[in-house]
PDB file of N, CA and C in Angstrom:
ATOM      1  N   MET A   1     112.799 105.006 116.972  1.00  0.00           N
ATOM      2  CA  MET A   1     113.950 105.865 117.095  1.00  0.00           C
ATOM      3  C   MET A   1     114.721 105.797 115.782  1.00  0.00           C
ATOM      4  N   HIS A   2     115.217 106.944 115.335  1.00  0.00           N
ATOM      5  CA  HIS A   2     115.987 107.009 114.100  1.00  0.00           C
ATOM      6  C   HIS A   2     117.126 107.999 114.279  1.00  0.00           C
ATOM      7  N   GLU A   3     118.322 107.567 113.930  1.00  0.00           N
ATOM      8  CA  GLU A   3     119.476 108.448 113.998  1.00  0.00           C
ATOM      9  C   GLU A   3     119.754 109.001 112.606  1.00  0.00           C
ATOM     10  N   GLU A   4     119.991 110.298 112.519  1.00  0.00           N
ATOM     11  CA  GLU A   4     120.277 110.930 111.241  1.00  0.00           C
ATOM     12  C   GLU A   4     121.464 110.247 110.573  1.00  0.00           C
ATOM     13  N   GLY A   5     121.347 109.993 109.284  1.00  0.00           N
ATOM     14  CA  GLY A   5     122.402 109.336 108.533  1.00  0.00           C
ATOM     15  C   GLY A   5     122.326 107.820 108.552  1.00  0.00           C
ATOM     16  N   SER A   6     121.390 107.277 109.328  1.00  0.00           N
ATOM     17  CA  SER A   6     121.222 105.829 109.426  1.00  0.00           C
ATOM     18  C   SER A   6     120.017 105.400 108.597  1.00  0.00           C
ATOM     19  N   TYR A   7     120.057 104.165 108.105  1.00  0.00           N
ATOM     20  CA  TYR A   7     118.926 103.603 107.385  1.00  0.00           C
ATOM     21  C   TYR A   7     117.982 102.863 108.322  1.00  0.00           C
ATOM     22  N   ASP A   8     118.367 102.705 109.583  1.00  0.00           N
ATOM     23  CA  ASP A   8     117.601 101.902 110.531  1.00  0.00           C
ATOM     24  C   ASP A   8     116.600 102.744 111.323  1.00  0.00           C
ATOM     25  N   PHE A   9     115.409 102.173 111.499  1.00  0.00           N
ATOM     26  CA  PHE A   9     114.403 102.709 112.408  1.00  0.00           C
ATOM     27  C   PHE A   9     114.240 101.645 113.487  1.00  0.00           C
ATOM     28  N   ILE A  10     114.539 101.995 114.731  1.00  0.00           N
ATOM     29  CA  ILE A  10     114.516 101.025 115.821  1.00  0.00           C
ATOM     30  C   ILE A  10     113.261 101.235 116.659  1.00  0.00           C
ATOM     31  N   ILE A  11     112.489 100.163 116.822  1.00  0.00           N
ATOM     32  CA  ILE A  11     111.261 100.211 117.611  1.00  0.00           C
ATOM     33  C   ILE A  11     111.632 100.291 119.090  1.00  0.00           C
ATOM     34  N   ASN A  12     111.061 101.259 119.815  1.00  0.00           N
ATOM     35  CA  ASN A  12     111.400 101.391 121.240  1.00  0.00           C
ATOM     36  C   ASN A  12     110.271 100.965 122.169  1.00  0.00           C
ATOM     37  N   LYS A  13     109.142 100.499 121.600  1.00  0.00           N
ATOM     38  CA  LYS A  13     108.056  99.979 122.432  1.00  0.00           C
ATOM     39  C   LYS A  13     107.302  98.919 121.628  1.00  0.00           C
ATOM     40  N   SER A  14     107.127  97.740 122.195  1.00  0.00           N
ATOM     41  CA  SER A  14     106.416  96.653 121.508  1.00  0.00           C
ATOM     42  C   SER A  14     104.975  97.033 121.225  1.00  0.00           C
ATOM     43  N   GLY A  15     104.444  96.520 120.100  1.00  0.00           N
ATOM     44  CA  GLY A  15     103.055  96.773 119.757  1.00  0.00           C
ATOM     45  C   GLY A  15     102.792  96.583 118.281  1.00  0.00           C
ATOM     46  N   ASN A  16     101.619  97.013 117.855  1.00  0.00           N
ATOM     47  CA  ASN A  16     101.257  96.997 116.444  1.00  0.00           C
ATOM     48  C   ASN A  16     101.531  98.380 115.870  1.00  0.00           C
ATOM     49  N   TYR A  17     102.092  98.403 114.653  1.00  0.00           N
ATOM     50  CA  TYR A  17     102.493  99.659 114.033  1.00  0.00           C
ATOM     51  C   TYR A  17     101.932  99.778 112.628  1.00  0.00           C
ATOM     52  N   TYR A  18     101.445 100.972 112.332  1.00  0.00           N
ATOM     53  CA  TYR A  18     101.047 101.343 110.977  1.00  0.00           C
ATOM     54  C   TYR A  18     102.246 102.043 110.355  1.00  0.00           C
ATOM     55  N   ILE A  19     102.706 101.522 109.226  1.00  0.00           N
ATOM     56  CA  ILE A  19     103.880 102.090 108.572  1.00  0.00           C
ATOM     57  C   ILE A  19     103.484 102.491 107.159  1.00  0.00           C
ATOM     58  N   GLN A  20     103.693 103.769 106.865  1.00  0.00           N
ATOM     59  CA  GLN A  20     103.353 104.314 105.564  1.00  0.00           C
ATOM     60  C   GLN A  20     104.605 104.957 104.987  1.00  0.00           C
ATOM     61  N   PHE A  21     104.872 104.689 103.707  1.00  0.00           N
ATOM     62  CA  PHE A  21     106.056 105.229 103.043  1.00  0.00           C
ATOM     63  C   PHE A  21     105.669 105.759 101.679  1.00  0.00           C
ATOM     64  N   ASN A  22     106.253 106.892 101.294  1.00  0.00           N
ATOM     65  CA  ASN A  22     106.078 107.388  99.936  1.00  0.00           C
ATOM     66  C   ASN A  22     107.316 108.145  99.496  1.00  0.00           C
ATOM     67  N   THR A  23     107.570 108.092  98.210  1.00  0.00           N
ATOM     68  CA  THR A  23     108.708 108.783  97.628  1.00  0.00           C
ATOM     69  C   THR A  23     108.492 108.938  96.136  1.00  0.00           C
ATOM     70  N   THR A  24     109.260 109.806  95.539  1.00  0.00           N
ATOM     71  CA  THR A  24     109.371 109.895  94.092  1.00  0.00           C
ATOM     72  C   THR A  24     110.748 109.351  93.754  1.00  0.00           C
ATOM     73  N   ILE A  25     110.815 108.503  92.736  1.00  0.00           N
ATOM     74  CA  ILE A  25     112.096 107.930  92.319  1.00  0.00           C
ATOM     75  C   ILE A  25     112.438 108.476  90.945  1.00  0.00           C
ATOM     76  N   TYR A  26     113.692 108.835  90.804  1.00  0.00           N
ATOM     77  CA  TYR A  26     114.198 109.402  89.560  1.00  0.00           C
ATOM     78  C   TYR A  26     115.015 108.353  88.827  1.00  0.00           C
ATOM     79  N   GLU A  27     114.687 108.091  87.563  1.00  0.00           N
ATOM     80  CA  GLU A  27     115.441 107.159  86.721  1.00  0.00           C
ATOM     81  C   GLU A  27     116.616 107.924  86.120  1.00  0.00           C
ATOM     82  N   PRO A  28     117.832 107.572  86.517  1.00  0.00           N
ATOM     83  CA  PRO A  28     118.995 108.327  86.034  1.00  0.00           C
ATOM     84  C   PRO A  28     119.228 108.105  84.544  1.00  0.00           C
ATOM     85  N   PRO A  29     119.838 109.077  83.885  1.00  0.00           N
ATOM     86  CA  PRO A  29     120.065 108.977  82.441  1.00  0.00           C
ATOM     87  C   PRO A  29     121.106 107.931  82.065  1.00  0.00           C
ATOM     88  N   SER A  30     121.833 107.404  83.024  1.00  0.00           N
ATOM     89  CA  SER A  30     122.908 106.458  82.717  1.00  0.00           C
ATOM     90  C   SER A  30     122.397 105.122  82.187  1.00  0.00           C
ATOM     91  N   THR A  31     121.157 104.752  82.490  1.00  0.00           N
ATOM     92  CA  THR A  31     120.674 103.442  82.048  1.00  0.00           C
ATOM     93  C   THR A  31     120.049 103.512  80.658  1.00  0.00           C
ATOM     94  N   GLY A  32     119.080 104.389  80.466  1.00  0.00           N
ATOM     95  CA  GLY A  32     118.461 104.559  79.170  1.00  0.00           C
ATOM     96  C   GLY A  32     117.793 103.310  78.612  1.00  0.00           C
ATOM     97  N   LYS A  33     117.462 102.356  79.457  1.00  0.00           N
ATOM     98  CA  LYS A  33     116.797 101.132  79.000  1.00  0.00           C
ATOM     99  C   LYS A  33     115.666 100.812  79.963  1.00  0.00           C
ATOM    100  N   GLU A  34     114.794  99.892  79.576  1.00  0.00           N
ATOM    101  CA  GLU A  34     113.679  99.518  80.439  1.00  0.00           C
ATOM    102  C   GLU A  34     114.201  98.868  81.717  1.00  0.00           C
ATOM    103  N   THR A  35     113.708  99.338  82.849  1.00  0.00           N
ATOM    104  CA  THR A  35     114.112  98.786  84.141  1.00  0.00           C
ATOM    105  C   THR A  35     112.975  98.971  85.135  1.00  0.00           C
ATOM    106  N   THR A  36     112.964  98.158  86.171  1.00  0.00           N
ATOM    107  CA  THR A  36     111.955  98.285  87.218  1.00  0.00           C
ATOM    108  C   THR A  36     112.562  98.993  88.420  1.00  0.00           C
ATOM    109  N   LEU A  37     111.895 100.029  88.875  1.00  0.00           N
ATOM    110  CA  LEU A  37     112.303 100.772  90.059  1.00  0.00           C
ATOM    111  C   LEU A  37     111.394 100.332  91.191  1.00  0.00           C
ATOM    112  N   SER A  38     111.980  99.879  92.303  1.00  0.00           N
ATOM    113  CA  SER A  38     111.137  99.359  93.384  1.00  0.00           C
ATOM    114  C   SER A  38     111.810  99.506  94.743  1.00  0.00           C
ATOM    115  N   VAL A  39     110.954  99.527  95.779  1.00  0.00           N
ATOM    116  CA  VAL A  39     111.393  99.586  97.168  1.00  0.00           C
ATOM    117  C   VAL A  39     110.524  98.639  97.990  1.00  0.00           C
ATOM    118  N   TYR A  40     110.994  98.318  99.207  1.00  0.00           N
ATOM    119  CA  TYR A  40     110.211  97.477 100.112  1.00  0.00           C
ATOM    120  C   TYR A  40     110.632  97.757 101.549  1.00  0.00           C
ATOM    121  N   LEU A  41     109.814  97.298 102.488  1.00  0.00           N
ATOM    122  CA  LEU A  41     110.109  97.425 103.909  1.00  0.00           C
ATOM    123  C   LEU A  41     110.707  96.129 104.412  1.00  0.00           C
ATOM    124  N   GLU A  42     111.762  96.263 105.182  1.00  0.00           N
ATOM    125  CA  GLU A  42     112.407  95.117 105.805  1.00  0.00           C
ATOM    126  C   GLU A  42     112.219  95.221 107.322  1.00  0.00           C
ATOM    127  N   HIS A  43     111.822  94.116 107.961  1.00  0.00           N
ATOM    128  CA  HIS A  43     111.634  94.047 109.414  1.00  0.00           C
ATOM    129  C   HIS A  43     112.557  92.949 109.924  1.00  0.00           C
ATOM    130  N   ASN A  44     113.576  93.338 110.667  1.00  0.00           N
ATOM    131  CA  ASN A  44     114.586  92.386 111.161  1.00  0.00           C
ATOM    132  C   ASN A  44     115.129  91.515 110.022  1.00  0.00           C
ATOM    133  N   ASN A  45     115.535  92.161 108.941  1.00  0.00           N
ATOM    134  CA  ASN A  45     116.168  91.521 107.772  1.00  0.00           C
ATOM    135  C   ASN A  45     115.241  90.646 106.942  1.00  0.00           C
ATOM    136  N   ALA A  46     113.927  90.714 107.156  1.00  0.00           N
ATOM    137  CA  ALA A  46     112.965  89.953 106.343  1.00  0.00           C
ATOM    138  C   ALA A  46     112.018  90.938 105.651  1.00  0.00           C
ATOM    139  N   THR A  47     111.692  90.664 104.396  1.00  0.00           N
ATOM    140  CA  THR A  47     110.768  91.510 103.648  1.00  0.00           C
ATOM    141  C   THR A  47     109.374  91.428 104.254  1.00  0.00           C
ATOM    142  N   VAL A  48     108.743  92.579 104.471  1.00  0.00           N
ATOM    143  CA  VAL A  48     107.379  92.633 105.001  1.00  0.00           C
ATOM    144  C   VAL A  48     106.403  92.418 103.839  1.00  0.00           C
ATOM    145  N   TYR A  49     105.571  91.383 103.980  1.00  0.00           N
ATOM    146  CA  TYR A  49     104.574  91.064 102.958  1.00  0.00           C
ATOM    147  C   TYR A  49     103.684  92.276 102.695  1.00  0.00           C
ATOM    148  N   GLY A  50     103.476  92.589 101.428  1.00  0.00           N
ATOM    149  CA  GLY A  50     102.602  93.693 101.052  1.00  0.00           C
ATOM    150  C   GLY A  50     103.289  95.038 100.949  1.00  0.00           C
ATOM    151  N   SER A  51     104.600  95.085 101.219  1.00  0.00           N
ATOM    152  CA  SER A  51     105.277  96.379 101.184  1.00  0.00           C
ATOM    153  C   SER A  51     106.076  96.607  99.907  1.00  0.00           C
ATOM    154  N   THR A  52     106.258  95.595  99.095  1.00  0.00           N
ATOM    155  CA  THR A  52     107.056  95.760  97.879  1.00  0.00           C
ATOM    156  C   THR A  52     106.233  96.481  96.812  1.00  0.00           C
ATOM    157  N   VAL A  53     106.759  97.614  96.341  1.00  0.00           N
ATOM    158  CA  VAL A  53     106.091  98.390  95.303  1.00  0.00           C
ATOM    159  C   VAL A  53     107.116  98.761  94.234  1.00  0.00           C
ATOM    160  N   GLY A  54     106.671  98.791  92.998  1.00  0.00           N
ATOM    161  CA  GLY A  54     107.587  99.134  91.925  1.00  0.00           C
ATOM    162  C   GLY A  54     106.844  99.463  90.653  1.00  0.00           C
ATOM    163  N   GLU A  55     107.590 100.006  89.723  1.00  0.00           N
ATOM    164  CA  GLU A  55     107.030 100.345  88.424  1.00  0.00           C
ATOM    165  C   GLU A  55     108.140 100.259  87.394  1.00  0.00           C
ATOM    166  N   THR A  56     107.795  99.787  86.203  1.00  0.00           N
ATOM    167  CA  THR A  56     108.764  99.687  85.125  1.00  0.00           C
ATOM    168  C   THR A  56     108.775 100.984  84.331  1.00  0.00           C
ATOM    169  N   VAL A  57     109.984 101.483  84.076  1.00  0.00           N
ATOM    170  CA  VAL A  57     110.164 102.692  83.271  1.00  0.00           C
ATOM    171  C   VAL A  57     110.977 102.323  82.045  1.00  0.00           C
ATOM    172  N   SER A  58     110.751 103.041  80.964  1.00  0.00           N
ATOM    173  CA  SER A  58     111.469 102.726  79.729  1.00  0.00           C
ATOM    174  C   SER A  58     112.291 103.883  79.194  1.00  0.00           C
ATOM    175  N   ASN A  59     112.238 105.026  79.855  1.00  0.00           N
ATOM    176  CA  ASN A  59     112.975 106.191  79.391  1.00  0.00           C
ATOM    177  C   ASN A  59     113.839 106.762  80.507  1.00  0.00           C
ATOM    178  N   ALA A  60     114.996 107.264  80.124  1.00  0.00           N
ATOM    179  CA  ALA A  60     115.829 107.981  81.082  1.00  0.00           C
ATOM    180  C   ALA A  60     115.128 109.276  81.468  1.00  0.00           C
ATOM    181  N   TYR A  61     115.485 109.821  82.593  1.00  0.00           N
ATOM    182  CA  TYR A  61     114.925 111.067  83.128  1.00  0.00           C
ATOM    183  C   TYR A  61     113.461 110.937  83.521  1.00  0.00           C
ATOM    184  N   GLN A  62     112.997 109.736  83.749  1.00  0.00           N
ATOM    185  CA  GLN A  62     111.603 109.515  84.126  1.00  0.00           C
ATOM    186  C   GLN A  62     111.500 109.472  85.653  1.00  0.00           C
ATOM    187  N   THR A  63     110.420 110.022  86.200  1.00  0.00           N
ATOM    188  CA  THR A  63     110.176 109.929  87.639  1.00  0.00           C
ATOM    189  C   THR A  63     108.872 109.186  87.870  1.00  0.00           C
ATOM    190  N   ILE A  64     108.818 108.455  88.978  1.00  0.00           N
ATOM    191  CA  ILE A  64     107.606 107.737  89.365  1.00  0.00           C
ATOM    192  C   ILE A  64     107.379 107.930  90.849  1.00  0.00           C
ATOM    193  N   ASN A  65     106.148 107.787  91.270  1.00  0.00           N
ATOM    194  CA  ASN A  65     105.804 107.844  92.686  1.00  0.00           C
ATOM    195  C   ASN A  65     105.562 106.428  93.188  1.00  0.00           C
ATOM    196  N   LEU A  66     106.157 106.108  94.324  1.00  0.00           N
ATOM    197  CA  LEU A  66     105.956 104.808  94.952  1.00  0.00           C
ATOM    198  C   LEU A  66     105.474 105.017  96.370  1.00  0.00           C
ATOM    199  N   ASN A  67     104.527 104.180  96.817  1.00  0.00           N
ATOM    200  CA  ASN A  67     104.070 104.265  98.205  1.00  0.00           C
ATOM    201  C   ASN A  67     103.496 102.928  98.639  1.00  0.00           C
ATOM    202  N   PHE A  68     103.567 102.702  99.943  1.00  0.00           N
ATOM    203  CA  PHE A  68     102.942 101.526 100.537  1.00  0.00           C
ATOM    204  C   PHE A  68     102.513 101.858 101.948  1.00  0.00           C
ATOM    205  N   ALA A  69     101.587 101.058 102.469  1.00  0.00           N
ATOM    206  CA  ALA A  69     101.152 101.161 103.862  1.00  0.00           C
ATOM    207  C   ALA A  69     100.884  99.744 104.358  1.00  0.00           C
ATOM    208  N   VAL A  70     101.428  99.416 105.521  1.00  0.00           N
ATOM    209  CA  VAL A  70     101.255  98.091 106.109  1.00  0.00           C
ATOM    210  C   VAL A  70     101.085  98.229 107.618  1.00  0.00           C
ATOM    211  N   ILE A  71     100.537  97.185 108.218  1.00  0.00           N
ATOM    212  CA  ILE A  71     100.463  97.090 109.673  1.00  0.00           C
ATOM    213  C   ILE A  71     101.276  95.867 110.069  1.00  0.00           C
ATOM    214  N   ILE A  72     102.169  96.059 111.045  1.00  0.00           N
ATOM    215  CA  ILE A  72     102.996  94.949 111.518  1.00  0.00           C
ATOM    216  C   ILE A  72     102.974  94.895 113.038  1.00  0.00           C
ATOM    217  N   GLU A  73     103.343  93.746 113.564  1.00  0.00           N
ATOM    218  CA  GLU A  73     103.572  93.607 114.994  1.00  0.00           C
ATOM    219  C   GLU A  73     105.077  93.637 115.206  1.00  0.00           C
ATOM    220  N   ALA A  74     105.537  94.481 116.115  1.00  0.00           N
ATOM    221  CA  ALA A  74     106.969  94.627 116.336  1.00  0.00           C
ATOM    222  C   ALA A  74     107.279  94.643 117.822  1.00  0.00           C
ATOM    223  N   ASN A  75     108.468  94.190 118.159  1.00  0.00           N
ATOM    224  CA  ASN A  75     108.935  94.173 119.542  1.00  0.00           C
ATOM    225  C   ASN A  75     109.993  95.247 119.760  1.00  0.00           C
ATOM    226  N   LYS A  76     110.159  95.628 121.000  1.00  0.00           N
ATOM    227  CA  LYS A  76     111.178  96.597 121.356  1.00  0.00           C
ATOM    228  C   LYS A  76     112.532  96.105 120.834  1.00  0.00           C
ATOM    229  N   GLY A  77     113.249  96.999 120.159  1.00  0.00           N
ATOM    230  CA  GLY A  77     114.562  96.668 119.610  1.00  0.00           C
ATOM    231  C   GLY A  77     114.533  96.171 118.178  1.00  0.00           C
ATOM    232  N   ASP A  78     113.334  95.873 117.643  1.00  0.00           N
ATOM    233  CA  ASP A  78     113.238  95.446 116.247  1.00  0.00           C
ATOM    234  C   ASP A  78     113.728  96.564 115.331  1.00  0.00           C
ATOM    235  N   ILE A  79     114.258  96.167 114.178  1.00  0.00           N
ATOM    236  CA  ILE A  79     114.805  97.128 113.224  1.00  0.00           C
ATOM    237  C   ILE A  79     113.984  97.112 111.940  1.00  0.00           C
ATOM    238  N   LEU A  80     113.560  98.303 111.522  1.00  0.00           N
ATOM    239  CA  LEU A  80     112.854  98.493 110.256  1.00  0.00           C
ATOM    240  C   LEU A  80     113.785  99.243 109.313  1.00  0.00           C
ATOM    241  N   ARG A  81     113.673  98.911 108.033  1.00  0.00           N
ATOM    242  CA  ARG A  81     114.555  99.535 107.047  1.00  0.00           C
ATOM    243  C   ARG A  81     113.831  99.566 105.699  1.00  0.00           C
ATOM    244  N   ILE A  82     113.874 100.702 105.001  1.00  0.00           N
ATOM    245  CA  ILE A  82     113.355 100.799 103.639  1.00  0.00           C
ATOM    246  C   ILE A  82     114.509 100.426 102.715  1.00  0.00           C
ATOM    247  N   LYS A  83     114.254  99.461 101.817  1.00  0.00           N
ATOM    248  CA  LYS A  83     115.315  98.964 100.935  1.00  0.00           C
ATOM    249  C   LYS A  83     114.973  99.231  99.473  1.00  0.00           C
ATOM    250  N   ASN A  84     115.995  99.492  98.691  1.00  0.00           N
ATOM    251  CA  ASN A  84     115.880  99.657  97.247  1.00  0.00           C
ATOM    252  C   ASN A  84     116.113  98.304  96.601  1.00  0.00           C
ATOM    253  N   SER A  85     115.136  97.812  95.849  1.00  0.00           N
ATOM    254  CA  SER A  85     115.327  96.546  95.144  1.00  0.00           C
ATOM    255  C   SER A  85     115.346  96.761  93.633  1.00  0.00           C
ATOM    256  N   SER A  86     115.623  97.979  93.224  1.00  0.00           N
ATOM    257  CA  SER A  86     115.696  98.311  91.802  1.00  0.00           C
ATOM    258  C   SER A  86     116.922  97.654  91.179  1.00  0.00           C
ATOM    259  N   ALA A  87     116.851  97.481  89.878  1.00  0.00           N
ATOM    260  CA  ALA A  87     117.971  96.886  89.147  1.00  0.00           C
ATOM    261  C   ALA A  87     119.077  97.904  88.874  1.00  0.00           C
ATOM    262  N   THR A  88     118.890  99.114  89.343  1.00  0.00           N
ATOM    263  CA  THR A  88     119.855 100.177  89.101  1.00  0.00           C
ATOM    264  C   THR A  88     119.915 101.088  90.326  1.00  0.00           C
ATOM    265  N   VAL A  89     120.918 101.921  90.381  1.00  0.00           N
ATOM    266  CA  VAL A  89     121.009 102.915  91.445  1.00  0.00           C
ATOM    267  C   VAL A  89     119.996 104.008  91.134  1.00  0.00           C
ATOM    268  N   VAL A  90     119.194 104.366  92.122  1.00  0.00           N
ATOM    269  CA  VAL A  90     118.174 105.385  91.916  1.00  0.00           C
ATOM    270  C   VAL A  90     118.281 106.447  92.988  1.00  0.00           C
ATOM    271  N   GLU A  91     117.695 107.586  92.710  1.00  0.00           N
ATOM    272  CA  GLU A  91     117.653 108.674  93.675  1.00  0.00           C
ATOM    273  C   GLU A  91     116.242 108.788  94.220  1.00  0.00           C
ATOM    274  N   LEU A  92     116.104 108.704  95.556  1.00  0.00           N
ATOM    275  CA  LEU A  92     114.804 108.897  96.199  1.00  0.00           C
ATOM    276  C   LEU A  92     114.626 110.382  96.460  1.00  0.00           C
ATOM    277  N   LEU A  93     113.579 110.965  95.896  1.00  0.00           N
ATOM    278  CA  LEU A  93     113.316 112.379  96.063  1.00  0.00           C
ATOM    279  C   LEU A  93     112.256 112.572  97.136  1.00  0.00           C
ATOM    280  N   GLN A  94     112.590 113.281  98.179  1.00  0.00           N
ATOM    281  CA  GLN A  94     111.697 113.572  99.294  1.00  0.00           C
ATOM    282  C   GLN A  94     111.038 112.326  99.872  1.00  0.00           C
ATOM    283  N   PRO A  95     111.835 111.333 100.282  1.00  0.00           N
ATOM    284  CA  PRO A  95     111.228 110.139 100.902  1.00  0.00           C
ATOM    285  C   PRO A  95     110.589 110.503 102.230  1.00  0.00           C
ATOM    286  N   ASN A  96     109.470 109.864 102.533  1.00  0.00           N
ATOM    287  CA  ASN A  96     108.754 110.117 103.774  1.00  0.00           C
ATOM    288  C   ASN A  96     108.285 108.782 104.359  1.00  0.00           C
ATOM    289  N   VAL A  97     108.554 108.570 105.644  1.00  0.00           N
ATOM    290  CA  VAL A  97     108.073 107.369 106.311  1.00  0.00           C
ATOM    291  C   VAL A  97     107.390 107.781 107.612  1.00  0.00           C
ATOM    292  N   ASP A  98     106.205 107.219 107.841  1.00  0.00           N
ATOM    293  CA  ASP A  98     105.463 107.428 109.081  1.00  0.00           C
ATOM    294  C   ASP A  98     105.372 106.071 109.786  1.00  0.00           C
ATOM    295  N   ILE A  99     105.790 106.032 111.044  1.00  0.00           N
ATOM    296  CA  ILE A  99     105.710 104.809 111.850  1.00  0.00           C
ATOM    297  C   ILE A  99     104.872 105.167 113.073  1.00  0.00           C
ATOM    298  N   ILE A 100     103.652 104.632 113.116  1.00  0.00           N
ATOM    299  CA  ILE A 100     102.687 105.030 114.146  1.00  0.00           C
ATOM    300  C   ILE A 100     102.265 103.809 114.949  1.00  0.00           C
ATOM    301  N   ARG A 101     102.481 103.854 116.257  1.00  0.00           N
ATOM    302  CA  ARG A 101     102.065 102.760 117.135  1.00  0.00           C
ATOM    303  C   ARG A 101     100.555 102.837 117.308  1.00  0.00           C
ATOM    304  N   ILE A 102      99.851 101.754 116.972  1.00  0.00           N
ATOM    305  CA  ILE A 102      98.393 101.788 117.052  1.00  0.00           C
ATOM    306  C   ILE A 102      97.846 100.921 118.179  1.00  0.00           C
ATOM    307  N   LYS A 103      98.690 100.114 118.830  1.00  0.00           N
ATOM    308  CA  LYS A 103      98.227  99.314 119.961  1.00  0.00           C
ATOM    309  C   LYS A 103      99.401  98.891 120.787  1.00  0.00           C
TER     310      LYS A 103
END
């Protein structure tokens, strides 16, 4: 379940889930220095192993594509959240997340 305007995805049925995320990240012109742009999946406030993805950019106005796919076990009421771990504020362009119960 996801409410518009919220960063939380709440699991409404226990099971195993395939979670796939992709986005394009825009490096704003305000930094103009080398920085790493990265995101990760958080499950009940803990980083999900294998979900952290990032890339180092050295120019302003640069865009990169980031994506990950993981399988997790989750219980009803668990909270999933995509987090920005970049060293700067970034803009996510057309972020997409698929959360599919597989068992």
